[in-house]
């Protein structure tokens, strides 16, 4: 499996998102091709990849939001008797 190249620019670079797309494009296309070869239609594969990406993004943001909302909250464990 080919290695995905590491970023070459800082997070604030305007083309970083494009460079990330270029870095993972071959793996993305390979995954789509393998799913199609397994019998899934191109439309099914495209829909599944979009939904997976959307779910990944939502989960990532909900975890970050949970930590932001929970900042300053202290949970106390009950004493066992």
Protein backbone atom coordinates (compact mmCIF):
# COMPACT_ATOMS: atom_id res chain seq x y z
CA UNK A 1 0.00 0.00 0.00
CA UNK A 2 1.47 3.37 -1.01
CA UNK A 3 2.31 5.84 1.70
CA UNK A 4 0.19 8.97 1.92
CA UNK A 5 2.49 12.00 1.86
CA UNK A 6 2.62 14.22 4.93
CA UNK A 7 1.60 17.87 4.71
CA UNK A 8 4.27 20.22 3.42
CA UNK A 9 2.63 23.46 4.56
CA UNK A 10 1.30 24.79 7.90
CA UNK A 11 -2.42 24.51 8.72
CA UNK A 12 -2.98 28.15 7.78
CA UNK A 13 -1.78 27.65 4.18
CA UNK A 14 -4.59 28.49 1.70
CA UNK A 15 -3.96 25.41 -0.48
CA UNK A 16 -3.60 22.88 2.33
CA UNK A 17 -7.07 21.39 1.73
CA UNK A 18 -6.31 20.95 -1.97
CA UNK A 19 -2.95 19.35 -1.14
CA UNK A 20 -4.69 16.94 1.24
CA UNK A 21 -7.10 15.96 -1.54
CA UNK A 22 -4.18 15.33 -3.87
CA UNK A 23 -2.41 13.28 -1.19
CA UNK A 24 -5.34 10.91 -0.61
CA UNK A 25 -6.84 10.83 -4.13
CA UNK A 26 -5.10 7.61 -5.23
CA UNK A 27 -6.25 5.73 -2.10
CA UNK A 28 -9.76 7.12 -2.48
CA UNK A 29 -9.93 6.04 -6.13
CA UNK A 30 -8.52 2.63 -5.26
CA UNK A 31 -11.19 2.12 -2.59
CA UNK A 32 -13.94 3.19 -5.00
CA UNK A 33 -12.60 0.88 -7.71
CA UNK A 34 -12.39 -2.10 -5.33
CA UNK A 35 -15.97 -1.53 -4.14
CA UNK A 36 -17.17 -1.31 -7.75
CA UNK A 37 -15.25 -4.49 -8.65
CA UNK A 38 -16.98 -6.23 -5.72
CA UNK A 39 -20.33 -5.55 -7.38
CA UNK A 40 -21.48 -2.18 -6.05
CA UNK A 41 -22.59 0.37 -8.64
CA UNK A 42 -20.53 3.55 -9.06
CA UNK A 43 -23.52 5.54 -7.74
CA UNK A 44 -23.79 3.32 -4.64
CA UNK A 45 -20.08 3.68 -3.99
CA UNK A 46 -20.16 7.46 -4.45
CA UNK A 47 -23.16 7.78 -2.14
CA UNK A 48 -21.57 5.55 0.50
CA UNK A 49 -18.30 7.50 0.39
CA UNK A 50 -20.11 10.83 0.72
CA UNK A 51 -22.18 9.56 3.65
CA UNK A 52 -19.13 8.09 5.35
CA UNK A 53 -17.25 11.39 4.94
CA UNK A 54 -20.24 13.32 6.26
CA UNK A 55 -20.59 11.01 9.27
CA UNK A 56 -16.85 11.25 9.95
CA UNK A 57 -17.06 15.04 9.87
CA UNK A 58 -20.13 15.15 12.10
CA UNK A 59 -18.59 12.73 14.62
CA UNK A 60 -15.33 14.68 14.66
CA UNK A 61 -17.16 17.96 15.27
CA UNK A 62 -19.52 16.50 17.86
CA UNK A 63 -16.58 15.16 19.86
CA UNK A 64 -14.87 18.55 19.76
CA UNK A 65 -18.12 20.29 20.70
CA UNK A 66 -18.69 17.86 23.55
CA UNK A 67 -15.26 18.70 25.00
CA UNK A 68 -15.86 22.44 24.54
CA UNK A 69 -19.26 22.26 26.22
CA UNK A 70 -17.85 20.08 28.97
CA UNK A 71 -14.94 22.36 29.71
CA UNK A 72 -15.12 23.41 33.32
CA UNK A 73 -17.56 20.67 34.26
CA UNK A 74 -16.33 18.47 37.06
CA UNK A 75 -17.82 15.04 37.53
CA UNK A 76 -17.61 13.64 41.01
CA UNK A 77 -17.55 9.89 41.53
CA UNK A 78 -19.90 8.54 44.12
CA UNK A 79 -18.25 7.06 47.15
CA UNK A 80 -18.83 3.35 47.37
CA UNK A 81 -20.10 2.19 50.75
